[in-house]
Amino acid sequence: MKAIALFSGGLDSTIAAKLIIDQGIEVIACNINTGFGSTKDRLAHMKNMCEQIGAEFRSVDIRDEYIREVLFTPKYGYGKNFNPCIDCHAKMFEVAKRVMHEWGASFLISGEVLGQRPMSQNSDSLQKVLDLSNCEGLLLRPMSAKSLAPTIPEIEGWVDREKLENIVGRNRERQMELAEQFGLKDYEAPGGGCLLTDENFSNKIRDFIAHDTFSVEDIPTIKYGRQLRLPEKAKLIIGRNAEENAILEAVENPKFIHISTNLIGPHAMISRNASESDRVLAAKLVLAYCKGGFDGEQTLMFEDEALTTVSDLSRNEAQKYMI
């Protein structure tokens, strides 16, 4: 017997998978990549948690499908920011159900806890997810199973319902007890791992779609760097540290060109169709974030085109253009 667990690497999804593994069922921990998870690479963490509980880790990339079918047209709308939580969860379960036969699994599990998130994990929302994903009966939620209707795995006797949990609400005392009981180490503190729940990130998406269509290639251009909208509507992105500089430098997106300089400073990108005045302003703003100690005119490369200007703007000047 095999099950697919929707897996984030968080404590709830880890415990949920462990509860099923301890009943002698093989679990594939499936992380669904929508493109809007943390800006930090969590792959090593997720694999570490899977190793601790004896689950196989797999990842499925649905970024393009998610943008086309969920992000901008959610049936159940958004949460406080740009987060279509109900539709998002339903899409993840739909995808997991899609690969069930291929992966040899008989049912799905998730780490959702009834009442933990008032808007997206109340009983009504959990049912909407089942209806939208067409997973009624197939999706077992081990953390709150005893407070929910029995599922096929329980009815058929594949899973002993009495060995599942009855956690309801936001108190995490029981999760802490189980983490200690299972000997889990290095697990994360609870918190939103989805960037779409963040107000600042949501504003960056709204700004982007006000000026352009959005595609998979655009995801890193809003996830990383300082985001600026210049007077004639060009988008400017300026890296904030060495890690972001490296990520931005690797971006291949036909909507943008790269800006480079021989000075010690950030990597930057600007809209390919930027006007000459926006390019000059961009050059001055990039110079403002370069390490000091230089004087006079400086030449920056906008891909193969050189632009020479002076550094006469401060970083404070950049604030008026920040998204």
C-alpha atoms as a PDB file:
ATOM      1  CA  MET A   1       0.000   0.000   0.000  1.00  0.00           C
ATOM      2  CA  LYS A   2       1.292   3.440  -0.934  1.00  0.00           C
ATOM      3  CA  ALA A   3       0.087   7.014  -0.327  1.00  0.00           C
ATOM      4  CA  ILE A   4       1.083  10.410  -1.680  1.00  0.00           C
ATOM      5  CA  ALA A   5       1.531  13.111   0.936  1.00  0.00           C
ATOM      6  CA  LEU A   6       1.304  16.758  -0.026  1.00  0.00           C
ATOM      7  CA  PHE A   7       4.525  17.937   1.548  1.00  0.00           C
ATOM      8  CA  SER A   8       5.837  21.397   2.418  1.00  0.00           C
ATOM      9  CA  GLY A   9       8.605  20.373   4.776  1.00  0.00           C
ATOM     10  CA  GLY A  10       6.730  21.960   7.670  1.00  0.00           C
ATOM     11  CA  LEU A  11       5.992  20.171  10.923  1.00  0.00           C
ATOM     12  CA  ASP A  12       2.323  19.422  10.194  1.00  0.00           C
ATOM     13  CA  SER A  13       2.980  17.766   6.830  1.00  0.00           C
ATOM     14  CA  THR A  14       5.918  15.852   8.305  1.00  0.00           C
ATOM     15  CA  ILE A  15       3.888  14.485  11.235  1.00  0.00           C
ATOM     16  CA  ALA A  16       0.950  13.644   8.957  1.00  0.00           C
ATOM     17  CA  ALA A  17       3.225  11.542   6.756  1.00  0.00           C
ATOM     18  CA  LYS A  18       4.829   9.883   9.794  1.00  0.00           C
ATOM     19  CA  LEU A  19       1.435   8.858  11.200  1.00  0.00           C
ATOM     20  CA  ILE A  20       0.714   6.962   7.992  1.00  0.00           C
ATOM     21  CA  ILE A  21       4.218   5.493   7.655  1.00  0.00           C
ATOM     22  CA  ASP A  22       3.883   4.092  11.182  1.00  0.00           C
ATOM     23  CA  GLN A  23       0.873   2.104   9.978  1.00  0.00           C
ATOM     24  CA  GLY A  24       3.077   0.252   7.507  1.00  0.00           C
ATOM     25  CA  ILE A  25       2.162   2.311   4.447  1.00  0.00           C
ATOM     26  CA  GLU A  26       4.807   3.601   2.052  1.00  0.00           C
ATOM     27  CA  VAL A  27       4.592   7.369   1.666  1.00  0.00           C
ATOM     28  CA  ILE A  28       5.821   9.531  -1.197  1.00  0.00           C
ATOM     29  CA  ALA A  29       6.269  13.095   0.080  1.00  0.00           C
ATOM     30  CA  CYS A  30       5.290  15.244  -2.891  1.00  0.00           C
ATOM     31  CA  ASN A  31       6.203  18.912  -2.922  1.00  0.00           C
ATOM     32  CA  ILE A  32       4.176  20.879  -5.450  1.00  0.00           C
ATOM     33  CA  ASN A  33       6.235  23.771  -6.839  1.00  0.00           C
ATOM     34  CA  THR A  34       3.976  26.701  -7.741  1.00  0.00           C
ATOM     35  CA  GLY A  35       6.920  29.099  -8.000  1.00  0.00           C
ATOM     36  CA  PHE A  36       5.780  31.191  -5.047  1.00  0.00           C
ATOM     37  CA  GLY A  37       7.375  29.424  -2.126  1.00  0.00           C
ATOM     38  CA  SER A  38      10.131  30.967  -0.061  1.00  0.00           C
ATOM     39  CA  THR A  39      12.955  32.893  -1.715  1.00  0.00           C
ATOM     40  CA  LYS A  40      15.300  30.493   0.097  1.00  0.00           C
ATOM     41  CA  ASP A  41      16.079  27.095  -1.338  1.00  0.00           C
ATOM     42  CA  ARG A  42      14.306  24.621   0.988  1.00  0.00           C
ATOM     43  CA  LEU A  43      15.157  21.465  -0.934  1.00  0.00           C
ATOM     44  CA  ALA A  44      17.811  20.307   1.532  1.00  0.00           C
ATOM     45  CA  HIS A  45      15.444  20.922   4.471  1.00  0.00           C
ATOM     46  CA  MET A  46      12.591  18.982   2.880  1.00  0.00           C
ATOM     47  CA  LYS A  47      14.852  16.048   2.067  1.00  0.00           C
ATOM     48  CA  ASN A  48      16.176  16.097   5.629  1.00  0.00           C
ATOM     49  CA  MET A  49      12.671  15.865   7.090  1.00  0.00           C
ATOM     50  CA  CYS A  50      11.816  13.013   4.711  1.00  0.00           C
ATOM     51  CA  GLU A  51      14.929  11.116   5.756  1.00  0.00           C
ATOM     52  CA  GLN A  52      13.934  11.457   9.407  1.00  0.00           C
ATOM     53  CA  ILE A  53      10.535   9.848   8.874  1.00  0.00           C
ATOM     54  CA  GLY A  54      11.422   7.382   6.116  1.00  0.00           C
ATOM     55  CA  ALA A  55       9.475   8.969   3.261  1.00  0.00           C
ATOM     56  CA  GLU A  56      10.532   9.212  -0.363  1.00  0.00           C
ATOM     57  CA  PHE A  57      10.782  12.804  -1.613  1.00  0.00           C
ATOM     58  CA  ARG A  58       9.574  13.924  -5.029  1.00  0.00           C
ATOM     59  CA  SER A  59       8.812  17.333  -6.509  1.00  0.00           C
ATOM     60  CA  VAL A  60       6.341  18.310  -9.231  1.00  0.00           C
ATOM     61  CA  ASP A  61       6.703  21.621 -11.067  1.00  0.00           C
ATOM     62  CA  ILE A  62       3.310  23.179 -11.887  1.00  0.00           C
ATOM     63  CA  ARG A  63       4.410  26.809 -12.210  1.00  0.00           C
ATOM     64  CA  ASP A  64       3.040  27.350 -15.712  1.00  0.00           C
ATOM     65  CA  GLU A  65      -0.231  25.537 -14.982  1.00  0.00           C
ATOM     66  CA  TYR A  66      -0.612  27.422 -11.709  1.00  0.00           C
ATOM     67  CA  ILE A  67      -0.221  30.808 -13.375  1.00  0.00           C
ATOM     68  CA  ARG A  68      -2.600  29.920 -16.201  1.00  0.00           C
ATOM     69  CA  GLU A  69      -5.333  28.257 -14.166  1.00  0.00           C
ATOM     70  CA  VAL A  70      -5.179  29.501 -10.588  1.00  0.00           C
ATOM     71  CA  LEU A  71      -3.237  32.658  -9.792  1.00  0.00           C
ATOM     72  CA  PHE A  72      -5.333  35.221 -11.668  1.00  0.00           C
ATOM     73  CA  THR A  73      -8.714  33.464 -11.866  1.00  0.00           C
ATOM     74  CA  PRO A  74      -9.406  31.726  -8.543  1.00  0.00           C
ATOM     75  CA  LYS A  75     -12.968  30.451  -8.205  1.00  0.00           C
ATOM     76  CA  TYR A  76     -12.970  31.217  -4.473  1.00  0.00           C
ATOM     77  CA  GLY A  77     -11.058  34.487  -4.646  1.00  0.00           C
ATOM     78  CA  TYR A  78      -8.101  35.642  -2.586  1.00  0.00           C
ATOM     79  CA  GLY A  79      -7.178  35.836   1.050  1.00  0.00           C
ATOM     80  CA  LYS A  80      -5.912  39.042   2.616  1.00  0.00           C
ATOM     81  CA  ASN A  81      -3.343  39.551  -0.142  1.00  0.00           C
ATOM     82  CA  PHE A  82      -2.770  37.759  -3.482  1.00  0.00           C
ATOM     83  CA  ASN A  83      -3.196  34.290  -2.009  1.00  0.00           C
ATOM     84  CA  PRO A  84      -5.884  32.089  -3.633  1.00  0.00           C
ATOM     85  CA  CYS A  85      -5.565  29.540  -0.833  1.00  0.00           C
ATOM     86  CA  ILE A  86      -8.612  27.353  -1.475  1.00  0.00           C
ATOM     87  CA  ASP A  87      -8.001  27.141  -5.225  1.00  0.00           C
ATOM     88  CA  CYS A  88      -4.281  26.640  -4.610  1.00  0.00           C
ATOM     89  CA  HIS A  89      -4.804  23.698  -2.277  1.00  0.00           C
ATOM     90  CA  ALA A  90      -7.338  22.199  -4.669  1.00  0.00           C
ATOM     91  CA  LYS A  91      -4.913  22.455  -7.586  1.00  0.00           C
ATOM     92  CA  MET A  92      -2.213  20.707  -5.558  1.00  0.00           C
ATOM     93  CA  PHE A  93      -4.541  17.823  -4.701  1.00  0.00           C
ATOM     94  CA  GLU A  94      -5.740  17.666  -8.302  1.00  0.00           C
ATOM     95  CA  VAL A  95      -2.134  17.290  -9.450  1.00  0.00           C
ATOM     96  CA  ALA A  96      -1.379  14.672  -6.787  1.00  0.00           C
ATOM     97  CA  LYS A  97      -4.475  12.697  -7.803  1.00  0.00           C
ATOM     98  CA  ARG A  98      -3.319  12.926 -11.428  1.00  0.00           C
ATOM     99  CA  VAL A  99      -0.070  11.089 -10.649  1.00  0.00           C
ATOM    100  CA  MET A 100      -1.575   8.525  -8.243  1.00  0.00           C
ATOM    101  CA  HIS A 101      -1.810   5.730 -10.810  1.00  0.00           C
ATOM    102  CA  GLU A 102       1.616   6.435 -12.280  1.00  0.00           C
ATOM    103  CA  TRP A 103       3.203   6.391  -8.813  1.00  0.00           C
ATOM    104  CA  GLY A 104       1.256   3.348  -7.660  1.00  0.00           C
ATOM    105  CA  ALA A 105      -0.537   5.149  -4.817  1.00  0.00           C
ATOM    106  CA  SER A 106      -4.013   4.394  -3.487  1.00  0.00           C
ATOM    107  CA  PHE A 107      -4.835   7.602  -1.614  1.00  0.00           C
ATOM    108  CA  LEU A 108      -3.628  11.095  -0.670  1.00  0.00           C
ATOM    109  CA  ILE A 109      -2.786  12.688   2.666  1.00  0.00           C
ATOM    110  CA  SER A 110      -2.127  16.239   3.806  1.00  0.00           C
ATOM    111  CA  GLY A 111      -1.008  18.004   6.962  1.00  0.00           C
ATOM    112  CA  GLU A 112      -4.000  20.327   7.110  1.00  0.00           C
ATOM    113  CA  VAL A 113      -5.398  20.966  10.579  1.00  0.00           C
ATOM    114  CA  LEU A 114      -9.067  21.814  11.026  1.00  0.00           C
ATOM    115  CA  GLY A 115      -9.395  25.400  12.291  1.00  0.00           C
ATOM    116  CA  GLN A 116      -5.676  26.183  12.224  1.00  0.00           C
ATOM    117  CA  ARG A 117      -6.197  28.870   9.592  1.00  0.00           C
ATOM    118  CA  PRO A 118      -9.624  30.459  10.092  1.00  0.00           C
ATOM    119  CA  MET A 119     -10.221  31.306   6.432  1.00  0.00           C
ATOM    120  CA  SER A 120      -8.631  28.434   4.495  1.00  0.00           C
ATOM    121  CA  GLN A 121      -8.853  25.524   6.945  1.00  0.00           C
ATOM    122  CA  ASN A 122     -12.334  25.778   8.383  1.00  0.00           C
ATOM    123  CA  SER A 123     -14.693  22.894   7.651  1.00  0.00           C
ATOM    124  CA  ASP A 124     -16.380  24.734   4.778  1.00  0.00           C
ATOM    125  CA  SER A 125     -13.066  25.555   3.092  1.00  0.00           C
ATOM    126  CA  LEU A 126     -11.752  22.017   3.508  1.00  0.00           C
ATOM    127  CA  GLN A 127     -14.880  20.714   1.787  1.00  0.00           C
ATOM    128  CA  LYS A 128     -14.528  23.244  -1.049  1.00  0.00           C
ATOM    129  CA  VAL A 129     -11.002  21.953  -1.637  1.00  0.00           C
ATOM    130  CA  LEU A 130     -12.335  18.399  -1.906  1.00  0.00           C
ATOM    131  CA  ASP A 131     -15.093  19.445  -4.302  1.00  0.00           C
ATOM    132  CA  LEU A 132     -12.847  21.543  -6.534  1.00  0.00           C
ATOM    133  CA  SER A 133     -10.105  18.916  -6.715  1.00  0.00           C
ATOM    134  CA  ASN A 134     -12.568  16.006  -7.089  1.00  0.00           C
ATOM    135  CA  CYS A 135     -10.766  14.191  -4.259  1.00  0.00           C
ATOM    136  CA  GLU A 136     -13.746  13.359  -2.050  1.00  0.00           C
ATOM    137  CA  GLY A 137     -12.922  10.213  -0.089  1.00  0.00           C
ATOM    138  CA  LEU A 138      -9.370   9.957  -1.417  1.00  0.00           C
ATOM    139  CA  LEU A 139      -7.838  12.705   0.722  1.00  0.00           C
ATOM    140  CA  LEU A 140      -7.051  11.758   4.322  1.00  0.00           C
ATOM    141  CA  ARG A 141      -6.087  14.490   6.776  1.00  0.00           C
ATOM    142  CA  PRO A 142      -4.386  12.515   9.577  1.00  0.00           C
ATOM    143  CA  MET A 143      -3.921  15.502  11.902  1.00  0.00           C
ATOM    144  CA  SER A 144      -7.672  16.105  12.277  1.00  0.00           C
ATOM    145  CA  ALA A 145      -9.074  12.802  11.001  1.00  0.00           C
ATOM    146  CA  LYS A 146     -11.203  12.055  14.066  1.00  0.00           C
ATOM    147  CA  SER A 147     -13.019  15.381  13.637  1.00  0.00           C
ATOM    148  CA  LEU A 148     -13.692  14.773   9.939  1.00  0.00           C
ATOM    149  CA  ALA A 149     -15.787  12.290   8.010  1.00  0.00           C
ATOM    150  CA  PRO A 150     -14.119   8.915   7.433  1.00  0.00           C
ATOM    151  CA  THR A 151     -12.302   8.580   4.121  1.00  0.00           C
ATOM    152  CA  ILE A 152     -11.889   5.581   1.817  1.00  0.00           C
ATOM    153  CA  PRO A 153      -8.574   4.500   3.433  1.00  0.00           C
ATOM    154  CA  GLU A 154     -10.294   4.415   6.835  1.00  0.00           C
ATOM    155  CA  ILE A 155     -13.516   2.801   5.619  1.00  0.00           C
ATOM    156  CA  GLU A 156     -11.620   0.103   3.720  1.00  0.00           C
ATOM    157  CA  GLY A 157      -9.370  -0.601   6.695  1.00  0.00           C
ATOM    158  CA  TRP A 158      -6.117   0.396   4.988  1.00  0.00           C
ATOM    159  CA  VAL A 159      -5.603   2.879   7.819  1.00  0.00           C
ATOM    160  CA  ASP A 160      -6.598   2.494  11.474  1.00  0.00           C
ATOM    161  CA  ARG A 161      -8.620   5.619  12.245  1.00  0.00           C
ATOM    162  CA  GLU A 162      -7.982   5.168  15.984  1.00  0.00           C
ATOM    163  CA  LYS A 163      -4.271   5.763  15.429  1.00  0.00           C
ATOM    164  CA  LEU A 164      -4.879   9.125  13.763  1.00  0.00           C
ATOM    165  CA  GLU A 165      -5.164  12.491  15.472  1.00  0.00           C
ATOM    166  CA  ASN A 166      -7.978  14.803  16.542  1.00  0.00           C
ATOM    167  CA  ILE A 167      -6.166  18.159  16.462  1.00  0.00           C
ATOM    168  CA  VAL A 168      -8.379  21.211  16.016  1.00  0.00           C
ATOM    169  CA  GLY A 169      -7.470  24.878  16.185  1.00  0.00           C
ATOM    170  CA  ARG A 170      -4.287  26.891  16.360  1.00  0.00           C
ATOM    171  CA  ASN A 171      -2.770  25.487  19.543  1.00  0.00           C
ATOM    172  CA  ARG A 172       0.298  23.465  18.566  1.00  0.00           C
ATOM    173  CA  GLU A 173       0.878  21.674  21.863  1.00  0.00           C
ATOM    174  CA  ARG A 174      -0.036  18.280  20.408  1.00  0.00           C
ATOM    175  CA  GLN A 175       2.275  18.810  17.420  1.00  0.00           C
ATOM    176  CA  MET A 176       5.139  19.533  19.810  1.00  0.00           C
ATOM    177  CA  GLU A 177       4.384  16.329  21.737  1.00  0.00           C
ATOM    178  CA  LEU A 178       4.382  14.290  18.539  1.00  0.00           C
ATOM    179  CA  ALA A 179       7.595  15.912  17.295  1.00  0.00           C
ATOM    180  CA  GLU A 180       9.306  14.868  20.525  1.00  0.00           C
ATOM    181  CA  GLN A 181       7.747  11.410  20.404  1.00  0.00           C
ATOM    182  CA  PHE A 182       8.985  10.872  16.834  1.00  0.00           C
ATOM    183  CA  GLY A 183      12.402  12.377  17.594  1.00  0.00           C
ATOM    184  CA  LEU A 184      12.116  15.009  14.896  1.00  0.00           C
ATOM    185  CA  LYS A 185      15.042  17.422  14.676  1.00  0.00           C
ATOM    186  CA  ASP A 186      15.606  20.747  12.926  1.00  0.00           C
ATOM    187  CA  TYR A 187      11.940  21.261  12.092  1.00  0.00           C
ATOM    188  CA  GLU A 188      10.778  24.744  11.233  1.00  0.00           C
ATOM    189  CA  ALA A 189       8.760  27.078  13.401  1.00  0.00           C
ATOM    190  CA  PRO A 190       5.219  27.572  12.037  1.00  0.00           C
ATOM    191  CA  GLY A 191       4.835  30.389   9.590  1.00  0.00           C
ATOM    192  CA  GLY A 192       3.598  31.225   6.132  1.00  0.00           C
ATOM    193  CA  GLY A 193       5.943  29.875   3.500  1.00  0.00           C
ATOM    194  CA  CYS A 194       3.924  31.279   0.604  1.00  0.00           C
ATOM    195  CA  LEU A 195       5.019  34.630  -0.769  1.00  0.00           C
ATOM    196  CA  LEU A 196       1.496  35.322  -2.015  1.00  0.00           C
ATOM    197  CA  THR A 197       0.394  35.884   1.587  1.00  0.00           C
ATOM    198  CA  ASP A 198       2.924  38.718   1.918  1.00  0.00           C
ATOM    199  CA  GLU A 199       1.559  42.219   1.324  1.00  0.00           C
ATOM    200  CA  ASN A 200       4.748  43.623  -0.201  1.00  0.00           C
ATOM    201  CA  PHE A 201       5.139  40.710  -2.595  1.00  0.00           C
ATOM    202  CA  SER A 202       1.472  40.953  -3.576  1.00  0.00           C
ATOM    203  CA  ASN A 203       1.955  44.615  -4.425  1.00  0.00           C
ATOM    204  CA  LYS A 204       4.843  43.652  -6.716  1.00  0.00           C
ATOM    205  CA  ILE A 205       2.598  41.265  -8.619  1.00  0.00           C
ATOM    206  CA  ARG A 206      -0.134  43.885  -8.928  1.00  0.00           C
ATOM    207  CA  ASP A 207       2.390  46.379 -10.253  1.00  0.00           C
ATOM    208  CA  PHE A 208       3.767  43.877 -12.767  1.00  0.00           C
ATOM    209  CA  ILE A 209       0.407  42.872 -14.243  1.00  0.00           C
ATOM    210  CA  ALA A 210      -0.608  46.536 -14.490  1.00  0.00           C
ATOM    211  CA  HIS A 211       2.163  46.950 -17.083  1.00  0.00           C
ATOM    212  CA  ASP A 212       2.671  43.531 -18.646  1.00  0.00           C
ATOM    213  CA  THR A 213       1.436  39.967 -18.938  1.00  0.00           C
ATOM    214  CA  PHE A 214       2.868  37.527 -16.410  1.00  0.00           C
ATOM    215  CA  SER A 215       4.559  34.201 -17.207  1.00  0.00           C
ATOM    216  CA  VAL A 216       6.822  31.648 -15.515  1.00  0.00           C
ATOM    217  CA  GLU A 217       9.951  33.495 -16.667  1.00  0.00           C
ATOM    218  CA  ASP A 218       8.799  36.565 -14.726  1.00  0.00           C
ATOM    219  CA  ILE A 219       8.696  34.855 -11.311  1.00  0.00           C
ATOM    220  CA  PRO A 220      12.347  35.540 -10.365  1.00  0.00           C
ATOM    221  CA  THR A 221      12.029  39.140 -11.508  1.00  0.00           C
ATOM    222  CA  ILE A 222       9.599  39.810  -8.662  1.00  0.00           C
ATOM    223  CA  LYS A 223      11.013  37.395  -6.084  1.00  0.00           C
ATOM    224  CA  TYR A 224      14.500  38.882  -5.958  1.00  0.00           C
ATOM    225  CA  GLY A 225      16.057  42.326  -5.749  1.00  0.00           C
ATOM    226  CA  ARG A 226      14.811  45.829  -5.065  1.00  0.00           C
ATOM    227  CA  GLN A 227      11.836  46.522  -7.311  1.00  0.00           C
ATOM    228  CA  LEU A 228      11.511  49.974  -8.835  1.00  0.00           C
ATOM    229  CA  ARG A 229       9.065  51.454 -11.345  1.00  0.00           C
ATOM    230  CA  LEU A 230      10.674  54.385 -13.185  1.00  0.00           C
ATOM    231  CA  PRO A 231       8.885  57.548 -14.451  1.00  0.00           C
ATOM    232  CA  GLU A 232       8.359  56.297 -18.005  1.00  0.00           C
ATOM    233  CA  LYS A 233       7.185  52.905 -16.702  1.00  0.00           C
ATOM    234  CA  ALA A 234      10.340  50.825 -17.092  1.00  0.00           C
ATOM    235  CA  LYS A 235      10.870  48.178 -14.413  1.00  0.00           C
ATOM    236  CA  LEU A 236      14.255  48.251 -12.668  1.00  0.00           C
ATOM    237  CA  ILE A 237      15.544  45.441 -10.443  1.00  0.00           C
ATOM    238  CA  ILE A 238      18.645  45.957  -8.284  1.00  0.00           C
ATOM    239  CA  GLY A 239      20.186  43.057  -6.372  1.00  0.00           C
ATOM    240  CA  ARG A 240      20.463  43.426  -2.594  1.00  0.00           C
ATOM    241  CA  ASN A 241      23.309  41.035  -1.831  1.00  0.00           C
ATOM    242  CA  ALA A 242      25.724  38.592  -3.424  1.00  0.00           C
ATOM    243  CA  GLU A 243      23.190  35.758  -3.391  1.00  0.00           C
ATOM    244  CA  GLU A 244      20.550  37.813  -5.178  1.00  0.00           C
ATOM    245  CA  ASN A 245      23.116  39.191  -7.610  1.00  0.00           C
ATOM    246  CA  ALA A 246      24.012  35.649  -8.651  1.00  0.00           C
ATOM    247  CA  ILE A 247      20.352  34.686  -9.080  1.00  0.00           C
ATOM    248  CA  LEU A 248      19.522  37.780 -11.133  1.00  0.00           C
ATOM    249  CA  GLU A 249      22.601  37.381 -13.288  1.00  0.00           C
ATOM    250  CA  ALA A 250      21.386  33.906 -14.263  1.00  0.00           C
ATOM    251  CA  VAL A 251      17.897  35.092 -15.260  1.00  0.00           C
ATOM    252  CA  GLU A 252      17.082  34.714 -18.943  1.00  0.00           C
ATOM    253  CA  ASN A 253      13.982  36.733 -19.721  1.00  0.00           C
ATOM    254  CA  PRO A 254      13.375  38.461 -23.079  1.00  0.00           C
ATOM    255  CA  LYS A 255      11.476  41.264 -21.341  1.00  0.00           C
ATOM    256  CA  PHE A 256      14.627  42.445 -19.553  1.00  0.00           C
ATOM    257  CA  ILE A 257      18.241  43.328 -20.251  1.00  0.00           C
ATOM    258  CA  HIS A 258      21.084  43.070 -17.758  1.00  0.00           C
ATOM    259  CA  ILE A 259      23.029  46.054 -16.433  1.00  0.00           C
ATOM    260  CA  SER A 260      26.647  45.553 -15.419  1.00  0.00           C
ATOM    261  CA  THR A 261      29.515  47.713 -14.218  1.00  0.00           C
ATOM    262  CA  ASN A 262      33.169  47.211 -13.319  1.00  0.00           C
ATOM    263  CA  LEU A 263      32.527  48.789  -9.929  1.00  0.00           C
ATOM    264  CA  ILE A 264      31.804  46.794  -6.770  1.00  0.00           C
ATOM    265  CA  GLY A 265      28.065  46.830  -6.651  1.00  0.00           C
ATOM    266  CA  PRO A 266      24.773  45.138  -7.473  1.00  0.00           C
ATOM    267  CA  HIS A 267      23.664  43.272 -10.533  1.00  0.00           C
ATOM    268  CA  ALA A 268      20.634  44.934 -12.103  1.00  0.00           C
ATOM    269  CA  MET A 269      18.025  44.393 -14.786  1.00  0.00           C
ATOM    270  CA  ILE A 270      15.739  46.780 -16.641  1.00  0.00           C
ATOM    271  CA  SER A 271      12.823  46.464 -19.044  1.00  0.00           C
ATOM    272  CA  ARG A 272      14.128  45.894 -22.558  1.00  0.00           C
ATOM    273  CA  ASN A 273      11.814  48.603 -23.917  1.00  0.00           C
ATOM    274  CA  ALA A 274      12.951  51.237 -21.394  1.00  0.00           C
ATOM    275  CA  SER A 275      13.198  54.770 -22.721  1.00  0.00           C
ATOM    276  CA  GLU A 276      16.528  56.575 -22.868  1.00  0.00           C
ATOM    277  CA  SER A 277      15.613  58.760 -19.908  1.00  0.00           C
ATOM    278  CA  ASP A 278      14.641  55.737 -17.808  1.00  0.00           C
ATOM    279  CA  ARG A 279      17.921  54.046 -18.743  1.00  0.00           C
ATOM    280  CA  VAL A 280      19.916  57.055 -17.632  1.00  0.00           C
ATOM    281  CA  LEU A 281      17.990  57.206 -14.354  1.00  0.00           C
ATOM    282  CA  ALA A 282      18.507  53.463 -13.893  1.00  0.00           C
ATOM    283  CA  ALA A 283      22.255  53.857 -14.382  1.00  0.00           C
ATOM    284  CA  LYS A 284      22.390  56.589 -11.742  1.00  0.00           C
ATOM    285  CA  LEU A 285      20.379  54.481  -9.293  1.00  0.00           C
ATOM    286  CA  VAL A 286      22.595  51.445  -9.833  1.00  0.00           C
ATOM    287  CA  LEU A 287      25.664  53.632  -9.184  1.00  0.00           C
ATOM    288  CA  ALA A 288      24.029  54.840  -5.958  1.00  0.00           C
ATOM    289  CA  TYR A 289      24.139  51.247  -4.683  1.00  0.00           C
ATOM    290  CA  CYS A 290      27.751  50.666  -5.739  1.00  0.00           C
ATOM    291  CA  LYS A 291      30.557  50.763  -3.200  1.00  0.00           C
ATOM    292  CA  GLY A 292      31.870  54.311  -2.848  1.00  0.00           C
ATOM    293  CA  GLY A 293      35.291  55.695  -3.662  1.00  0.00           C
ATOM    294  CA  PHE A 294      34.804  56.505  -7.334  1.00  0.00           C
ATOM    295  CA  ASP A 295      34.502  59.926  -8.985  1.00  0.00           C
ATOM    296  CA  GLY A 296      33.456  61.358 -12.300  1.00  0.00           C
ATOM    297  CA  GLU A 297      31.679  59.684 -15.153  1.00  0.00           C
ATOM    298  CA  GLN A 298      31.113  55.942 -15.074  1.00  0.00           C
ATOM    299  CA  THR A 299      30.224  53.583 -17.893  1.00  0.00           C
ATOM    300  CA  LEU A 300      27.632  50.854 -17.414  1.00  0.00           C
ATOM    301  CA  MET A 301      26.743  48.174 -19.930  1.00  0.00           C
ATOM    302  CA  PHE A 302      23.105  47.661 -20.835  1.00  0.00           C
ATOM    303  CA  GLU A 303      23.895  44.283 -22.379  1.00  0.00           C
ATOM    304  CA  ASP A 304      26.027  45.306 -25.390  1.00  0.00           C
ATOM    305  CA  GLU A 305      25.209  49.010 -25.221  1.00  0.00           C
ATOM    306  CA  ALA A 306      27.376  51.350 -23.148  1.00  0.00           C
ATOM    307  CA  LEU A 307      25.830  54.191 -21.158  1.00  0.00           C
ATOM    308  CA  THR A 308      28.025  56.812 -19.475  1.00  0.00           C
ATOM    309  CA  THR A 309      26.761  59.035 -16.687  1.00  0.00           C
ATOM    310  CA  VAL A 310      27.733  60.537 -13.352  1.00  0.00           C
ATOM    311  CA  SER A 311      26.710  59.286  -9.942  1.00  0.00           C
ATOM    312  CA  ASP A 312      24.674  62.177  -8.581  1.00  0.00           C
ATOM    313  CA  LEU A 313      21.796  60.383  -6.854  1.00  0.00           C
ATOM    314  CA  SER A 314      21.645  58.943  -3.345  1.00  0.00           C
ATOM    315  CA  ARG A 315      20.003  55.728  -2.230  1.00  0.00           C
ATOM    316  CA  ASN A 316      17.311  57.828  -0.600  1.00  0.00           C
ATOM    317  CA  GLU A 317      16.383  59.067  -4.072  1.00  0.00           C
ATOM    318  CA  ALA A 318      15.588  55.509  -5.059  1.00  0.00           C
ATOM    319  CA  GLN A 319      12.849  55.263  -2.436  1.00  0.00           C
ATOM    320  CA  LYS A 320      10.404  57.301  -4.510  1.00  0.00           C
ATOM    321  CA  TYR A 321      10.480  54.610  -7.210  1.00  0.00           C
ATOM    322  CA  MET A 322      10.251  51.573  -4.959  1.00  0.00           C
ATOM    323  CA  ILE A 323       7.264  49.314  -5.507  1.00  0.00           C
END
